[in-house]
Amino acid sequence: MLTRPLGSGPSAGSPLAYARGSEFEGTQNMSTPRGDFEIPVKEEFSLSEDGKILTIRTARSTPRGENTSKQVFAKQ
């Protein structure tokens, strides 16, 4: 099983377990003044055919609803 640091925030660095191919699924543990939370997280990594664009899509299910983001990195 591979793990990698996850996300940002008060308790960043929760391990994210390798699931399959280019998808990662895991949980992020957060401690806040309102209590401790375990937030399900899914990340999907894709690389363009020419290998120059890396796209990361992240989905988190939080107590306040679903949170999604997309990050795009271009090789220089």
C-alpha atoms as a PDB file:
ATOM      1  CA  MET A   1       0.000   0.000   0.000  1.00  0.00           C
ATOM      2  CA  LEU A   2       1.321   3.418  -0.964  1.00  0.00           C
ATOM      3  CA  THR A   3       0.494   6.492   1.069  1.00  0.00           C
ATOM      4  CA  ARG A   4       1.069  10.162   0.431  1.00  0.00           C
ATOM      5  CA  PRO A   5       0.418  13.385   2.385  1.00  0.00           C
ATOM      6  CA  LEU A   6      -2.999  14.866   1.806  1.00  0.00           C
ATOM      7  CA  GLY A   7      -4.358  18.361   1.491  1.00  0.00           C
ATOM      8  CA  SER A   8      -3.902  21.360   3.669  1.00  0.00           C
ATOM      9  CA  GLY A   9      -5.536  22.759   6.754  1.00  0.00           C
ATOM     10  CA  PRO A  10      -5.213  22.362  10.501  1.00  0.00           C
ATOM     11  CA  SER A  11      -4.243  18.681  10.393  1.00  0.00           C
ATOM     12  CA  ALA A  12      -2.652  18.279   6.970  1.00  0.00           C
ATOM     13  CA  GLY A  13      -0.624  15.172   6.304  1.00  0.00           C
ATOM     14  CA  SER A  14      -3.228  12.467   6.890  1.00  0.00           C
ATOM     15  CA  PRO A  15      -2.261   9.456   4.772  1.00  0.00           C
ATOM     16  CA  LEU A  16      -4.165   8.781   1.570  1.00  0.00           C
ATOM     17  CA  ALA A  17      -4.125   5.124   0.502  1.00  0.00           C
ATOM     18  CA  TYR A  18      -3.423   4.122  -3.104  1.00  0.00           C
ATOM     19  CA  ALA A  19      -6.576   2.584  -4.539  1.00  0.00           C
ATOM     20  CA  ARG A  20      -6.137   1.830  -8.254  1.00  0.00           C
ATOM     21  CA  GLY A  21      -4.529   3.348 -11.347  1.00  0.00           C
ATOM     22  CA  SER A  22      -4.673   7.104 -11.125  1.00  0.00           C
ATOM     23  CA  GLU A  23      -7.267   7.379  -8.357  1.00  0.00           C
ATOM     24  CA  PHE A  24      -6.652   7.770  -4.642  1.00  0.00           C
ATOM     25  CA  GLU A  25      -9.264   7.408  -1.927  1.00  0.00           C
ATOM     26  CA  GLY A  26      -8.868   8.015   1.769  1.00  0.00           C
ATOM     27  CA  THR A  27      -9.807  10.211   4.672  1.00  0.00           C
ATOM     28  CA  GLN A  28      -8.489  13.487   6.016  1.00  0.00           C
ATOM     29  CA  ASN A  29      -8.611  13.969   9.784  1.00  0.00           C
ATOM     30  CA  MET A  30      -9.235  17.528  10.926  1.00  0.00           C
ATOM     31  CA  SER A  31      -9.358  19.037  14.410  1.00  0.00           C
ATOM     32  CA  THR A  32     -11.303  22.284  14.738  1.00  0.00           C
ATOM     33  CA  PRO A  33     -12.812  24.299  17.599  1.00  0.00           C
ATOM     34  CA  ARG A  34     -16.121  22.591  16.718  1.00  0.00           C
ATOM     35  CA  GLY A  35     -14.688  19.105  17.096  1.00  0.00           C
ATOM     36  CA  ASP A  36     -12.787  16.429  15.213  1.00  0.00           C
ATOM     37  CA  PHE A  37     -13.850  15.354  11.727  1.00  0.00           C
ATOM     38  CA  GLU A  38     -12.941  12.540   9.364  1.00  0.00           C
ATOM     39  CA  ILE A  39     -13.538  13.724   5.801  1.00  0.00           C
ATOM     40  CA  PRO A  40     -13.713  11.261   2.874  1.00  0.00           C
ATOM     41  CA  VAL A  41     -11.454  12.375   0.012  1.00  0.00           C
ATOM     42  CA  LYS A  42     -11.059  11.160  -3.569  1.00  0.00           C
ATOM     43  CA  GLU A  43      -8.322  12.376  -5.931  1.00  0.00           C
ATOM     44  CA  GLU A  44      -7.981  11.575  -9.617  1.00  0.00           C
ATOM     45  CA  PHE A  45      -4.722  12.215 -11.477  1.00  0.00           C
ATOM     46  CA  SER A  46      -4.499  12.418 -15.265  1.00  0.00           C
ATOM     47  CA  LEU A  47      -1.592  13.203 -17.564  1.00  0.00           C
ATOM     48  CA  SER A  48      -1.985  14.552 -21.092  1.00  0.00           C
ATOM     49  CA  GLU A  49      -0.869  12.331 -23.973  1.00  0.00           C
ATOM     50  CA  ASP A  50       2.247  14.447 -24.535  1.00  0.00           C
ATOM     51  CA  GLY A  51       3.089  14.281 -20.795  1.00  0.00           C
ATOM     52  CA  LYS A  52       3.110  18.069 -20.384  1.00  0.00           C
ATOM     53  CA  ILE A  53      -0.153  18.670 -18.478  1.00  0.00           C
ATOM     54  CA  LEU A  54      -0.971  17.062 -15.114  1.00  0.00           C
ATOM     55  CA  THR A  55      -4.574  17.493 -13.908  1.00  0.00           C
ATOM     56  CA  ILE A  56      -5.660  16.661 -10.352  1.00  0.00           C
ATOM     57  CA  ARG A  57      -9.364  16.547  -9.479  1.00  0.00           C
ATOM     58  CA  THR A  58     -10.218  16.396  -5.774  1.00  0.00           C
ATOM     59  CA  ALA A  59     -13.588  15.749  -4.101  1.00  0.00           C
ATOM     60  CA  ARG A  60     -14.205  16.044  -0.349  1.00  0.00           C
ATOM     61  CA  SER A  61     -17.445  15.289   1.511  1.00  0.00           C
ATOM     62  CA  THR A  62     -17.513  17.761   4.395  1.00  0.00           C
ATOM     63  CA  PRO A  63     -20.144  18.503   7.063  1.00  0.00           C
ATOM     64  CA  ARG A  64     -20.979  21.610   4.993  1.00  0.00           C
ATOM     65  CA  GLY A  65     -21.451  19.652   1.748  1.00  0.00           C
ATOM     66  CA  GLU A  66     -19.451  18.437  -1.216  1.00  0.00           C
ATOM     67  CA  ASN A  67     -16.272  20.355  -2.087  1.00  0.00           C
ATOM     68  CA  THR A  68     -14.559  19.821  -5.442  1.00  0.00           C
ATOM     69  CA  SER A  69     -11.463  21.343  -6.974  1.00  0.00           C
ATOM     70  CA  LYS A  70      -9.350  21.016 -10.107  1.00  0.00           C
ATOM     71  CA  GLN A  71      -5.639  21.800 -10.332  1.00  0.00           C
ATOM     72  CA  VAL A  72      -3.763  21.953 -13.637  1.00  0.00           C
ATOM     73  CA  PHE A  73       0.037  21.909 -13.850  1.00  0.00           C
ATOM     74  CA  ALA A  74       1.949  22.618 -17.071  1.00  0.00           C
ATOM     75  CA  LYS A  75       5.507  21.343 -17.565  1.00  0.00           C
ATOM     76  CA  GLN A  76       7.854  24.175 -18.495  1.00  0.00           C
END
